[in-house]
Protein backbone atom coordinates (compact mmCIF):
# COMPACT_ATOMS: atom_id res chain seq x y z
CA UNK A 1 3.35 -9.25 17.23
CA UNK A 2 5.20 -11.56 14.75
CA UNK A 3 5.84 -10.47 11.09
CA UNK A 4 6.01 -13.26 8.59
CA UNK A 5 8.30 -11.53 6.06
CA UNK A 6 7.24 -13.66 3.15
CA UNK A 7 6.08 -11.64 0.16
CA UNK A 8 3.56 -14.46 -0.90
CA UNK A 9 2.50 -15.84 2.52
CA UNK A 10 0.02 -18.72 1.93
CA UNK A 11 1.28 -19.89 -1.35
CA UNK A 12 1.80 -23.34 0.11
CA UNK A 13 -1.80 -23.97 1.44
CA UNK A 14 -1.19 -27.08 3.29
CA UNK A 15 1.97 -25.73 5.11
CA UNK A 16 0.34 -22.36 6.14
CA UNK A 17 -2.75 -24.33 7.43
CA UNK A 18 -0.56 -26.56 9.61
CA UNK A 19 1.27 -23.35 10.83
CA UNK A 20 -2.02 -21.64 11.79
CA UNK A 21 -3.27 -24.82 13.60
CA UNK A 22 -0.12 -25.02 15.48
CA UNK A 23 -0.45 -21.37 16.44
CA UNK A 24 -4.13 -22.03 17.66
CA UNK A 25 -2.89 -25.08 19.74
CA UNK A 26 0.45 -23.77 21.08
CA UNK A 27 0.46 -20.13 21.02
CA UNK A 28 -2.87 -18.80 22.08
CA UNK A 29 -2.77 -15.00 22.27
CA UNK A 30 0.02 -14.56 19.79
CA UNK A 31 -0.75 -12.03 17.01
CA UNK A 32 0.95 -11.82 13.67
CA UNK A 33 0.89 -9.96 10.32
CA UNK A 34 2.06 -10.78 6.77
CA UNK A 35 2.34 -9.97 3.02
CA UNK A 36 0.18 -11.99 0.83
CA UNK A 37 -1.65 -11.84 -2.54
CA UNK A 38 -5.28 -11.43 -3.48
CA UNK A 39 -5.64 -14.75 -5.29
CA UNK A 40 -4.43 -16.56 -2.11
CA UNK A 41 -7.39 -15.31 -0.02
CA UNK A 42 -10.82 -16.54 0.44
CA UNK A 43 -13.48 -16.62 3.30
CA UNK A 44 -12.18 -19.86 4.56
CA UNK A 45 -8.44 -18.94 4.53
CA UNK A 46 -9.19 -15.50 6.14
CA UNK A 47 -11.26 -17.16 8.97
CA UNK A 48 -8.13 -19.52 9.65
CA UNK A 49 -5.84 -16.52 9.66
CA UNK A 50 -7.90 -14.52 12.07
CA UNK A 51 -8.47 -17.62 14.50
CA UNK A 52 -4.56 -18.15 14.60
CA UNK A 53 -4.09 -14.40 15.49
CA UNK A 54 -3.73 -12.53 12.26
CA UNK A 55 -4.27 -8.89 12.63
CA UNK A 56 -3.05 -7.28 9.53
CA UNK A 57 -2.53 -8.57 6.02
CA UNK A 58 -0.72 -6.30 3.20
CA UNK A 59 -1.72 -6.82 -0.13
CA UNK A 60 -0.43 -5.30 -3.47
CA UNK A 61 -3.18 -3.53 -5.35
CA UNK A 62 -0.64 -1.48 -7.40
CA UNK A 63 -2.89 0.30 -9.78
CA UNK A 64 -6.50 1.16 -10.76
CA UNK A 65 -5.75 1.33 -14.51
CA UNK A 66 -6.50 -2.02 -16.08
CA UNK A 67 -4.38 -1.37 -19.22
CA UNK A 68 -1.34 -0.59 -17.19
CA UNK A 69 -1.97 -3.50 -14.81
CA UNK A 70 -2.24 -5.75 -17.87
CA UNK A 71 1.10 -4.40 -19.29
CA UNK A 72 2.78 -5.29 -15.83
CA UNK A 73 1.25 -8.70 -15.88
CA UNK A 74 -1.00 -7.67 -12.99
CA UNK A 75 -4.74 -8.28 -13.25
CA UNK A 76 -6.64 -5.25 -11.64
CA UNK A 77 -9.57 -6.59 -9.61
CA UNK A 78 -10.63 -3.76 -7.38
CA UNK A 79 -14.28 -5.35 -6.86
CA UNK A 80 -12.50 -8.38 -5.63
CA UNK A 81 -10.32 -6.37 -3.42
CA UNK A 82 -13.36 -4.55 -1.92
CA UNK A 83 -14.86 -8.14 -1.25
CA UNK A 84 -11.72 -9.49 0.45
CA UNK A 85 -11.17 -6.29 2.59
CA UNK A 86 -14.66 -6.61 3.87
CA UNK A 87 -14.25 -10.23 4.84
CA UNK A 88 -10.86 -9.37 6.61
CA UNK A 89 -12.71 -6.55 8.49
CA UNK A 90 -15.52 -8.91 9.73
CA UNK A 91 -12.64 -11.24 11.02
CA UNK A 92 -10.77 -8.40 12.79
CA UNK A 93 -7.95 -8.36 10.19
CA UNK A 94 -6.71 -5.00 9.19
CA UNK A 95 -6.25 -4.83 5.35
CA UNK A 96 -3.07 -2.88 4.20
CA UNK A 97 -2.97 -1.92 0.61
CA UNK A 98 0.17 -1.14 -1.54
CA UNK A 99 -0.01 1.07 -4.60
CA UNK A 100 2.52 1.94 -7.34
CA UNK A 101 2.66 5.38 -8.96
CA UNK A 102 4.79 6.45 -12.01
CA UNK A 103 4.45 2.98 -13.82
CA UNK A 104 5.37 3.03 -17.43
CA UNK A 105 2.46 4.45 -19.66
CA UNK A 106 0.85 6.14 -16.48
CA UNK A 107 -0.89 9.42 -17.12
CA UNK A 108 -1.98 11.99 -14.55
CA UNK A 109 -5.53 10.59 -14.82
CA UNK A 110 -4.28 6.99 -14.11
CA UNK A 111 -2.44 8.28 -11.16
CA UNK A 112 -5.50 10.22 -9.91
CA UNK A 113 -7.77 7.14 -10.50
CA UNK A 114 -5.47 4.95 -8.23
CA UNK A 115 -5.50 7.50 -5.44
CA UNK A 116 -9.28 7.70 -5.55
CA UNK A 117 -9.43 3.92 -5.77
CA UNK A 118 -7.37 3.85 -2.49
CA UNK A 119 -10.04 6.01 -0.69
CA UNK A 120 -12.94 4.05 -1.95
CA UNK A 121 -11.40 0.74 -0.76
CA UNK A 122 -10.50 2.30 2.50
CA UNK A 123 -7.90 -0.11 3.82
CA UNK A 124 -6.60 0.34 7.42
CA UNK A 125 -3.60 1.89 5.89
CA UNK A 126 -2.10 2.50 2.43
CA UNK A 127 1.38 2.74 1.00
CA UNK A 128 1.97 4.68 -2.24
CA UNK A 129 5.34 4.02 -3.91
CA UNK A 130 7.11 5.45 -6.85
CA UNK A 131 7.95 2.86 -9.48
CA UNK A 132 11.61 1.68 -10.14
CA UNK A 133 12.44 -1.60 -11.84
CA UNK A 134 14.50 -3.91 -9.86
CA UNK A 135 17.83 -4.95 -11.15
CA UNK A 136 17.69 -8.04 -13.07
CA UNK A 137 13.96 -7.66 -13.98
CA UNK A 138 12.41 -7.72 -17.60
CA UNK A 139 11.47 -4.08 -17.17
CA UNK A 140 15.03 -3.15 -16.10
CA UNK A 141 16.37 -4.77 -19.31
CA UNK A 142 13.81 -3.18 -21.57
CA UNK A 143 14.99 0.30 -20.60
CA UNK A 144 11.74 1.01 -18.85
CA UNK A 145 13.32 1.12 -15.48
CA UNK A 146 12.31 4.52 -14.53
CA UNK A 147 8.63 4.46 -15.76
CA UNK A 148 7.16 7.85 -16.28
CA UNK A 149 8.28 11.18 -15.10
CA UNK A 150 9.70 10.52 -11.56
CA UNK A 151 9.20 14.06 -10.37
CA UNK A 152 5.50 13.90 -11.42
CA UNK A 153 5.16 10.30 -9.72
CA UNK A 154 6.57 11.84 -6.53
CA UNK A 155 3.93 14.60 -6.53
CA UNK A 156 1.24 12.09 -7.32
CA UNK A 157 2.39 9.99 -4.38
CA UNK A 158 2.17 13.09 -2.09
CA UNK A 159 -1.34 13.91 -3.52
CA UNK A 160 -2.50 10.35 -2.88
CA UNK A 161 -1.16 10.37 0.80
CA UNK A 162 -2.92 13.80 1.33
CA UNK A 163 -6.28 12.50 -0.19
CA UNK A 164 -6.20 9.23 1.86
CA UNK A 165 -4.90 10.23 5.23
CA UNK A 166 -6.04 13.66 5.81
CA UNK A 167 -9.72 13.19 5.03
CA UNK A 168 -11.96 13.20 8.19
CA UNK A 169 -12.95 9.46 8.04
CA UNK A 170 -9.22 8.46 8.12
CA UNK A 171 -8.26 11.05 10.76
CA UNK A 172 -11.17 9.56 13.12
CA UNK A 173 -9.97 5.93 12.40
CA UNK A 174 -6.38 6.89 13.33
CA UNK A 175 -7.65 8.54 16.43
CA UNK A 176 -9.56 5.41 17.45
CA UNK A 177 -6.87 2.97 16.81
CA UNK A 178 -3.71 4.78 18.03
CA UNK A 179 -2.78 7.10 20.89
CA UNK A 180 -4.34 10.57 20.42
CA UNK A 181 -1.11 12.31 20.90
CA UNK A 182 0.68 10.14 18.52
CA UNK A 183 -2.20 10.59 16.09
CA UNK A 184 -1.95 14.38 16.15
CA UNK A 185 1.70 14.42 15.77
CA UNK A 186 1.43 11.96 12.82
CA UNK A 187 -1.14 14.23 11.07
CA UNK A 188 0.83 17.28 11.61
CA UNK A 189 3.81 15.64 10.09
CA UNK A 190 1.83 14.25 7.18
CA UNK A 191 0.52 17.73 6.54
CA UNK A 192 3.93 19.40 6.64
CA UNK A 193 5.70 16.76 4.64
CA UNK A 194 3.01 15.85 1.92
CA UNK A 195 1.43 19.22 1.46
CA UNK A 196 4.64 21.51 1.84
CA UNK A 197 6.63 19.17 -0.32
CA UNK A 198 10.03 20.02 0.94
CA UNK A 199 11.98 18.38 -1.98
CA UNK A 200 10.28 20.78 -4.40
CA UNK A 201 11.35 23.81 -2.21
CA UNK A 202 14.71 22.52 -2.09
CA UNK A 203 14.85 22.03 -5.68
CA UNK A 204 13.68 25.48 -6.49
CA UNK A 205 16.23 26.97 -4.11
CA UNK A 206 18.97 24.90 -5.92
CA UNK A 207 18.15 26.10 -9.32
CA UNK A 208 17.87 29.78 -8.08
CA UNK A 209 21.26 29.38 -6.48
CA UNK A 210 22.68 27.82 -9.82
CA UNK A 211 21.22 30.85 -11.77
CA UNK A 212 22.81 33.26 -9.50
CA UNK A 213 26.04 31.55 -9.68
CA UNK A 214 26.17 31.55 -13.47
């Protein structure tokens, strides 16, 4: 499978259509995946991608909180995402969704809403990331680089992963789509890592050792 590592694959519509037609004509059977944006997808484009061998498209949803999305310059369109994901599934393309937790201004309620939104959208896979502004970005220069409480965001990310991946529907999906042994091993690792929260245990141990030392 080829990975077109372009964060906005499809932004040049004429160019990407020429590429897809070439793949259909010259590389029958080749499969590929890419990152793209919601506003670059419609029924026609998804059909062209599927015909040319696309099997996975990764899209940044980021947050379910409209106010936070607006402050980040991101329009939150969960209804549109649901429609696009359904079109992708019909064409045999797995939707992948990326979310960010710990954005500036995010509350525990906002983080929970984002996790629940991920479950309701039910992409093939979801990635939950803790916010950190990139060097040189406007947020970095404004002093909002770390967002909210990073420890709380880490906990929220673990909760979101557990909520998304350890529910029966997703377990069955994974079992159908990957080797059963690998699926069970992955689920055991997810339960150990995301529910036991090793960093928290290590942090408690470090604080205890520091108290004893003092």
